[in-house]
């Protein structure tokens, strides 16, 4: 440790002082680094001791930031520099997702009975078209057509009718100019 890690202490301290609010916090993290590294024991297998030391310090710093109940705004801004990816969606995104799910459920419920059943079996339960056809006693073509129509209705309503108006415009254009097709 004395040969591989300690020579990088000054650089680590300078790096930490740019990221924490006071010198004692930087010193605490350095000491925690040494404790963590002393548990490792063998440093011969580490290809880049300096990078390893800085990674340990970075992880400890992030851990400390997360542990603090009151996070200073500077610390939050620094999180972007650490390339920390928050995998949890924001509360706004969760609420929007719930609203969208409720809307899709309602749109499925509004479909005609057979189309609703086919869409549920295909998209929610993941059954194949052939399995649905056998279960409902209809042809695979019926399943295919009902699923397609049902999904088009749902997508059209989700997009506020944009798909239907686009299709109507294309049909009108085709009717006016049959040679264009």
C-alpha atoms as a PDB file:
ATOM      1  CA  UNK A   1       0.000   0.000   0.000  1.00  0.00           C
ATOM      2  CA  UNK A   2       2.854   2.379   0.829  1.00  0.00           C
ATOM      3  CA  UNK A   3       4.421   1.856  -2.593  1.00  0.00           C
ATOM      4  CA  UNK A   4       1.293   1.667  -4.790  1.00  0.00           C
ATOM      5  CA  UNK A   5      -1.330   3.881  -3.093  1.00  0.00           C
ATOM      6  CA  UNK A   6       0.241   6.491  -0.789  1.00  0.00           C
ATOM      7  CA  UNK A   7       2.125   8.346  -3.560  1.00  0.00           C
ATOM      8  CA  UNK A   8      -1.253   9.394  -4.988  1.00  0.00           C
ATOM      9  CA  UNK A   9      -2.616  10.888  -1.754  1.00  0.00           C
ATOM     10  CA  UNK A  10      -1.836  14.515  -2.663  1.00  0.00           C
ATOM     11  CA  UNK A  11      -3.602  14.235  -6.020  1.00  0.00           C
ATOM     12  CA  UNK A  12      -6.566  12.511  -4.379  1.00  0.00           C
ATOM     13  CA  UNK A  13      -6.794  15.203  -1.704  1.00  0.00           C
ATOM     14  CA  UNK A  14      -6.761  17.965  -4.334  1.00  0.00           C
ATOM     15  CA  UNK A  15      -9.444  16.143  -6.341  1.00  0.00           C
ATOM     16  CA  UNK A  16     -11.621  15.694  -3.256  1.00  0.00           C
ATOM     17  CA  UNK A  17     -11.224  19.301  -2.101  1.00  0.00           C
ATOM     18  CA  UNK A  18     -12.738  20.423  -5.409  1.00  0.00           C
ATOM     19  CA  UNK A  19     -15.772  18.227  -4.734  1.00  0.00           C
ATOM     20  CA  UNK A  20     -16.550  18.538  -1.015  1.00  0.00           C
ATOM     21  CA  UNK A  21     -17.476  21.522   1.092  1.00  0.00           C
ATOM     22  CA  UNK A  22     -14.778  21.265   3.760  1.00  0.00           C
ATOM     23  CA  UNK A  23     -11.292  19.855   4.280  1.00  0.00           C
ATOM     24  CA  UNK A  24     -12.375  17.504   7.068  1.00  0.00           C
ATOM     25  CA  UNK A  25     -14.812  15.760   4.699  1.00  0.00           C
ATOM     26  CA  UNK A  26     -11.977  15.180   2.234  1.00  0.00           C
ATOM     27  CA  UNK A  27      -9.761  13.822   5.013  1.00  0.00           C
ATOM     28  CA  UNK A  28     -12.536  11.498   6.189  1.00  0.00           C
ATOM     29  CA  UNK A  29     -12.950  10.080   2.714  1.00  0.00           C
ATOM     30  CA  UNK A  30      -9.204   9.578   2.347  1.00  0.00           C
ATOM     31  CA  UNK A  31      -9.141   7.659   5.634  1.00  0.00           C
ATOM     32  CA  UNK A  32     -12.109   5.569   4.546  1.00  0.00           C
ATOM     33  CA  UNK A  33     -10.245   4.816   1.319  1.00  0.00           C
ATOM     34  CA  UNK A  34      -7.280   3.542   3.293  1.00  0.00           C
ATOM     35  CA  UNK A  35      -9.532   1.387   5.469  1.00  0.00           C
ATOM     36  CA  UNK A  36     -11.279  -0.047   2.430  1.00  0.00           C
ATOM     37  CA  UNK A  37      -8.006  -0.677   0.623  1.00  0.00           C
ATOM     38  CA  UNK A  38      -6.310  -2.214   3.663  1.00  0.00           C
ATOM     39  CA  UNK A  39      -9.020  -4.871   3.713  1.00  0.00           C
ATOM     40  CA  UNK A  40      -8.019  -5.816   0.172  1.00  0.00           C
ATOM     41  CA  UNK A  41      -4.424  -6.618   1.118  1.00  0.00           C
ATOM     42  CA  UNK A  42      -2.876  -7.582  -2.251  1.00  0.00           C
ATOM     43  CA  UNK A  43      -2.224  -4.664  -4.611  1.00  0.00           C
ATOM     44  CA  UNK A  44      -0.097  -6.588  -7.092  1.00  0.00           C
ATOM     45  CA  UNK A  45      -3.080  -7.568  -9.224  1.00  0.00           C
ATOM     46  CA  UNK A  46      -4.272  -3.964  -9.617  1.00  0.00           C
ATOM     47  CA  UNK A  47      -3.144  -2.685 -13.009  1.00  0.00           C
ATOM     48  CA  UNK A  48      -3.641   0.995 -12.204  1.00  0.00           C
ATOM     49  CA  UNK A  49      -3.444   1.702  -8.452  1.00  0.00           C
ATOM     50  CA  UNK A  50      -4.095   5.423  -8.967  1.00  0.00           C
ATOM     51  CA  UNK A  51      -7.299   4.791 -10.939  1.00  0.00           C
ATOM     52  CA  UNK A  52      -8.359   2.192  -8.382  1.00  0.00           C
ATOM     53  CA  UNK A  53      -7.786   4.647  -5.507  1.00  0.00           C
ATOM     54  CA  UNK A  54      -9.785   7.369  -7.241  1.00  0.00           C
ATOM     55  CA  UNK A  55     -12.603   4.940  -8.009  1.00  0.00           C
ATOM     56  CA  UNK A  56     -12.804   3.891  -4.366  1.00  0.00           C
ATOM     57  CA  UNK A  57     -12.817   7.560  -3.305  1.00  0.00           C
ATOM     58  CA  UNK A  58     -15.489   8.424  -5.867  1.00  0.00           C
ATOM     59  CA  UNK A  59     -17.708   5.581  -4.646  1.00  0.00           C
ATOM     60  CA  UNK A  60     -17.247   6.611  -1.013  1.00  0.00           C
ATOM     61  CA  UNK A  61     -18.058  10.214  -1.884  1.00  0.00           C
ATOM     62  CA  UNK A  62     -21.244   9.166  -3.662  1.00  0.00           C
ATOM     63  CA  UNK A  63     -22.156   6.974  -0.725  1.00  0.00           C
ATOM     64  CA  UNK A  64     -21.684   9.926   1.628  1.00  0.00           C
ATOM     65  CA  UNK A  65     -23.783  12.220  -0.547  1.00  0.00           C
ATOM     66  CA  UNK A  66     -26.596   9.660  -0.638  1.00  0.00           C
ATOM     67  CA  UNK A  67     -26.371   9.130   3.114  1.00  0.00           C
ATOM     68  CA  UNK A  68     -26.801  12.795   3.960  1.00  0.00           C
ATOM     69  CA  UNK A  69     -30.420  13.689   4.478  1.00  0.00           C
ATOM     70  CA  UNK A  70     -29.884  17.302   3.487  1.00  0.00           C
ATOM     71  CA  UNK A  71     -28.031  17.486   0.212  1.00  0.00           C
ATOM     72  CA  UNK A  72     -26.384  20.744  -0.704  1.00  0.00           C
ATOM     73  CA  UNK A  73     -27.208  22.006  -4.160  1.00  0.00           C
ATOM     74  CA  UNK A  74     -23.494  21.888  -5.064  1.00  0.00           C
ATOM     75  CA  UNK A  75     -23.453  18.164  -4.316  1.00  0.00           C
ATOM     76  CA  UNK A  76     -26.416  17.549  -6.562  1.00  0.00           C
ATOM     77  CA  UNK A  77     -24.716  19.440  -9.391  1.00  0.00           C
ATOM     78  CA  UNK A  78     -21.577  17.359  -8.882  1.00  0.00           C
ATOM     79  CA  UNK A  79     -23.496  14.099  -9.331  1.00  0.00           C
ATOM     80  CA  UNK A  80     -23.562  14.749 -13.077  1.00  0.00           C
ATOM     81  CA  UNK A  81     -19.767  14.739 -13.114  1.00  0.00           C
ATOM     82  CA  UNK A  82     -19.693  11.310 -11.509  1.00  0.00           C
ATOM     83  CA  UNK A  83     -21.751   9.752 -14.320  1.00  0.00           C
ATOM     84  CA  UNK A  84     -24.218   8.393 -11.790  1.00  0.00           C
ATOM     85  CA  UNK A  85     -27.228   6.927 -13.524  1.00  0.00           C
ATOM     86  CA  UNK A  86     -30.401   6.974 -11.499  1.00  0.00           C
ATOM     87  CA  UNK A  87     -32.427   4.022 -12.633  1.00  0.00           C
ATOM     88  CA  UNK A  88     -35.577   5.020 -10.800  1.00  0.00           C
ATOM     89  CA  UNK A  89     -38.007   7.140 -12.806  1.00  0.00           C
ATOM     90  CA  UNK A  90     -38.934  10.565 -11.496  1.00  0.00           C
ATOM     91  CA  UNK A  91     -42.251  10.973  -9.639  1.00  0.00           C
ATOM     92  CA  UNK A  92     -43.587  12.940 -12.596  1.00  0.00           C
ATOM     93  CA  UNK A  93     -42.688  10.117 -14.956  1.00  0.00           C
ATOM     94  CA  UNK A  94     -44.303   7.534 -12.662  1.00  0.00           C
ATOM     95  CA  UNK A  95     -47.510   9.600 -12.511  1.00  0.00           C
ATOM     96  CA  UNK A  96     -47.542  10.091 -16.286  1.00  0.00           C
ATOM     97  CA  UNK A  97     -46.971   6.369 -16.789  1.00  0.00           C
ATOM     98  CA  UNK A  98     -49.842   5.488 -14.471  1.00  0.00           C
ATOM     99  CA  UNK A  99     -52.134   7.899 -16.302  1.00  0.00           C
ATOM    100  CA  UNK A 100     -51.134   6.473 -19.664  1.00  0.00           C
ATOM    101  CA  UNK A 101     -51.641   2.905 -18.422  1.00  0.00           C
ATOM    102  CA  UNK A 102     -55.100   3.803 -17.117  1.00  0.00           C
ATOM    103  CA  UNK A 103     -55.941   5.385 -20.478  1.00  0.00           C
ATOM    104  CA  UNK A 104     -54.754   2.312 -22.428  1.00  0.00           C
ATOM    105  CA  UNK A 105     -56.735   0.023 -20.111  1.00  0.00           C
ATOM    106  CA  UNK A 106     -59.837   2.137 -20.712  1.00  0.00           C
ATOM    107  CA  UNK A 107     -59.265   2.131 -24.467  1.00  0.00           C
ATOM    108  CA  UNK A 108     -58.941  -1.661 -24.444  1.00  0.00           C
ATOM    109  CA  UNK A 109     -62.110  -1.928 -22.344  1.00  0.00           C
ATOM    110  CA  UNK A 110     -63.959   0.253 -24.898  1.00  0.00           C
ATOM    111  CA  UNK A 111     -63.170  -2.118 -27.791  1.00  0.00           C
ATOM    112  CA  UNK A 112     -65.867  -4.489 -29.047  1.00  0.00           C
ATOM    113  CA  UNK A 113     -65.926  -7.726 -27.018  1.00  0.00           C
ATOM    114  CA  UNK A 114     -64.098 -10.002 -29.476  1.00  0.00           C
ATOM    115  CA  UNK A 115     -61.487  -7.379 -30.394  1.00  0.00           C
ATOM    116  CA  UNK A 116     -60.928  -6.636 -26.696  1.00  0.00           C
ATOM    117  CA  UNK A 117     -60.446 -10.331 -25.897  1.00  0.00           C
ATOM    118  CA  UNK A 118     -58.024 -10.791 -28.814  1.00  0.00           C
ATOM    119  CA  UNK A 119     -55.962  -7.719 -27.897  1.00  0.00           C
ATOM    120  CA  UNK A 120     -55.800  -8.831 -24.250  1.00  0.00           C
ATOM    121  CA  UNK A 121     -54.754 -12.369 -25.171  1.00  0.00           C
ATOM    122  CA  UNK A 122     -52.200 -11.193 -27.740  1.00  0.00           C
ATOM    123  CA  UNK A 123     -50.648  -8.134 -26.092  1.00  0.00           C
ATOM    124  CA  UNK A 124     -51.159  -8.765 -22.385  1.00  0.00           C
ATOM    125  CA  UNK A 125     -51.002 -12.542 -22.092  1.00  0.00           C
ATOM    126  CA  UNK A 126     -48.601 -12.949 -25.016  1.00  0.00           C
ATOM    127  CA  UNK A 127     -50.434 -15.755 -26.798  1.00  0.00           C
ATOM    128  CA  UNK A 128     -49.722 -16.423 -30.473  1.00  0.00           C
ATOM    129  CA  UNK A 129     -52.380 -15.735 -33.098  1.00  0.00           C
ATOM    130  CA  UNK A 130     -52.794 -19.467 -33.637  1.00  0.00           C
ATOM    131  CA  UNK A 131     -53.318 -20.102 -29.895  1.00  0.00           C
ATOM    132  CA  UNK A 132     -55.905 -17.324 -29.744  1.00  0.00           C
ATOM    133  CA  UNK A 133     -57.713 -18.694 -32.789  1.00  0.00           C
ATOM    134  CA  UNK A 134     -57.945 -22.151 -31.205  1.00  0.00           C
ATOM    135  CA  UNK A 135     -59.047 -20.740 -27.851  1.00  0.00           C
ATOM    136  CA  UNK A 136     -61.774 -18.534 -29.360  1.00  0.00           C
ATOM    137  CA  UNK A 137     -62.799 -20.914 -32.142  1.00  0.00           C
ATOM    138  CA  UNK A 138     -62.104 -18.448 -34.969  1.00  0.00           C
ATOM    139  CA  UNK A 139     -59.660 -18.399 -37.883  1.00  0.00           C
ATOM    140  CA  UNK A 140     -56.151 -16.975 -37.625  1.00  0.00           C
ATOM    141  CA  UNK A 141     -57.198 -14.317 -40.179  1.00  0.00           C
ATOM    142  CA  UNK A 142     -59.970 -13.152 -37.850  1.00  0.00           C
ATOM    143  CA  UNK A 143     -57.498 -12.895 -34.986  1.00  0.00           C
ATOM    144  CA  UNK A 144     -55.041 -11.000 -37.169  1.00  0.00           C
ATOM    145  CA  UNK A 145     -57.671  -8.567 -38.451  1.00  0.00           C
ATOM    146  CA  UNK A 146     -59.314  -7.955 -35.055  1.00  0.00           C
ATOM    147  CA  UNK A 147     -55.944  -7.414 -33.353  1.00  0.00           C
ATOM    148  CA  UNK A 148     -54.880  -5.013 -36.089  1.00  0.00           C
ATOM    149  CA  UNK A 149     -58.146  -3.035 -35.965  1.00  0.00           C
ATOM    150  CA  UNK A 150     -58.120  -2.941 -32.170  1.00  0.00           C
ATOM    151  CA  UNK A 151     -54.556  -1.679 -32.002  1.00  0.00           C
ATOM    152  CA  UNK A 152     -55.252   0.932 -34.680  1.00  0.00           C
ATOM    153  CA  UNK A 153     -58.217   2.225 -32.671  1.00  0.00           C
ATOM    154  CA  UNK A 154     -56.099   2.394 -29.505  1.00  0.00           C
ATOM    155  CA  UNK A 155     -53.198   4.148 -31.270  1.00  0.00           C
ATOM    156  CA  UNK A 156     -55.555   6.564 -32.987  1.00  0.00           C
ATOM    157  CA  UNK A 157     -57.164   7.543 -29.692  1.00  0.00           C
ATOM    158  CA  UNK A 158     -53.762   7.841 -27.989  1.00  0.00           C
ATOM    159  CA  UNK A 159     -52.581  10.206 -30.720  1.00  0.00           C
ATOM    160  CA  UNK A 160     -55.778  12.258 -30.554  1.00  0.00           C
ATOM    161  CA  UNK A 161     -57.162  11.054 -33.857  1.00  0.00           C
ATOM    162  CA  UNK A 162     -54.050  11.989 -35.826  1.00  0.00           C
ATOM    163  CA  UNK A 163     -53.810   8.555 -37.453  1.00  0.00           C
ATOM    164  CA  UNK A 164     -57.432   8.541 -38.580  1.00  0.00           C
ATOM    165  CA  UNK A 165     -57.239  12.047 -40.050  1.00  0.00           C
ATOM    166  CA  UNK A 166     -54.014  11.150 -41.878  1.00  0.00           C
ATOM    167  CA  UNK A 167     -55.660   7.999 -43.321  1.00  0.00           C
ATOM    168  CA  UNK A 168     -58.734  10.018 -44.385  1.00  0.00           C
ATOM    169  CA  UNK A 169     -56.492  12.574 -46.112  1.00  0.00           C
ATOM    170  CA  UNK A 170     -54.640   9.811 -47.969  1.00  0.00           C
ATOM    171  CA  UNK A 171     -57.945   8.230 -49.030  1.00  0.00           C
ATOM    172  CA  UNK A 172     -59.278  11.599 -50.207  1.00  0.00           C
ATOM    173  CA  UNK A 173     -56.079  12.257 -52.175  1.00  0.00           C
ATOM    174  CA  UNK A 174     -56.288   8.770 -53.748  1.00  0.00           C
ATOM    175  CA  UNK A 175     -59.917   9.287 -54.723  1.00  0.00           C
ATOM    176  CA  UNK A 176     -59.167  12.630 -56.384  1.00  0.00           C
ATOM    177  CA  UNK A 177     -56.113  11.418 -58.271  1.00  0.00           C
ATOM    178  CA  UNK A 178     -56.299   7.659 -58.991  1.00  0.00           C
ATOM    179  CA  UNK A 179     -53.225   7.728 -61.297  1.00  0.00           C
ATOM    180  CA  UNK A 180     -50.967   8.876 -58.434  1.00  0.00           C
ATOM    181  CA  UNK A 181     -51.286   5.397 -56.862  1.00  0.00           C
END
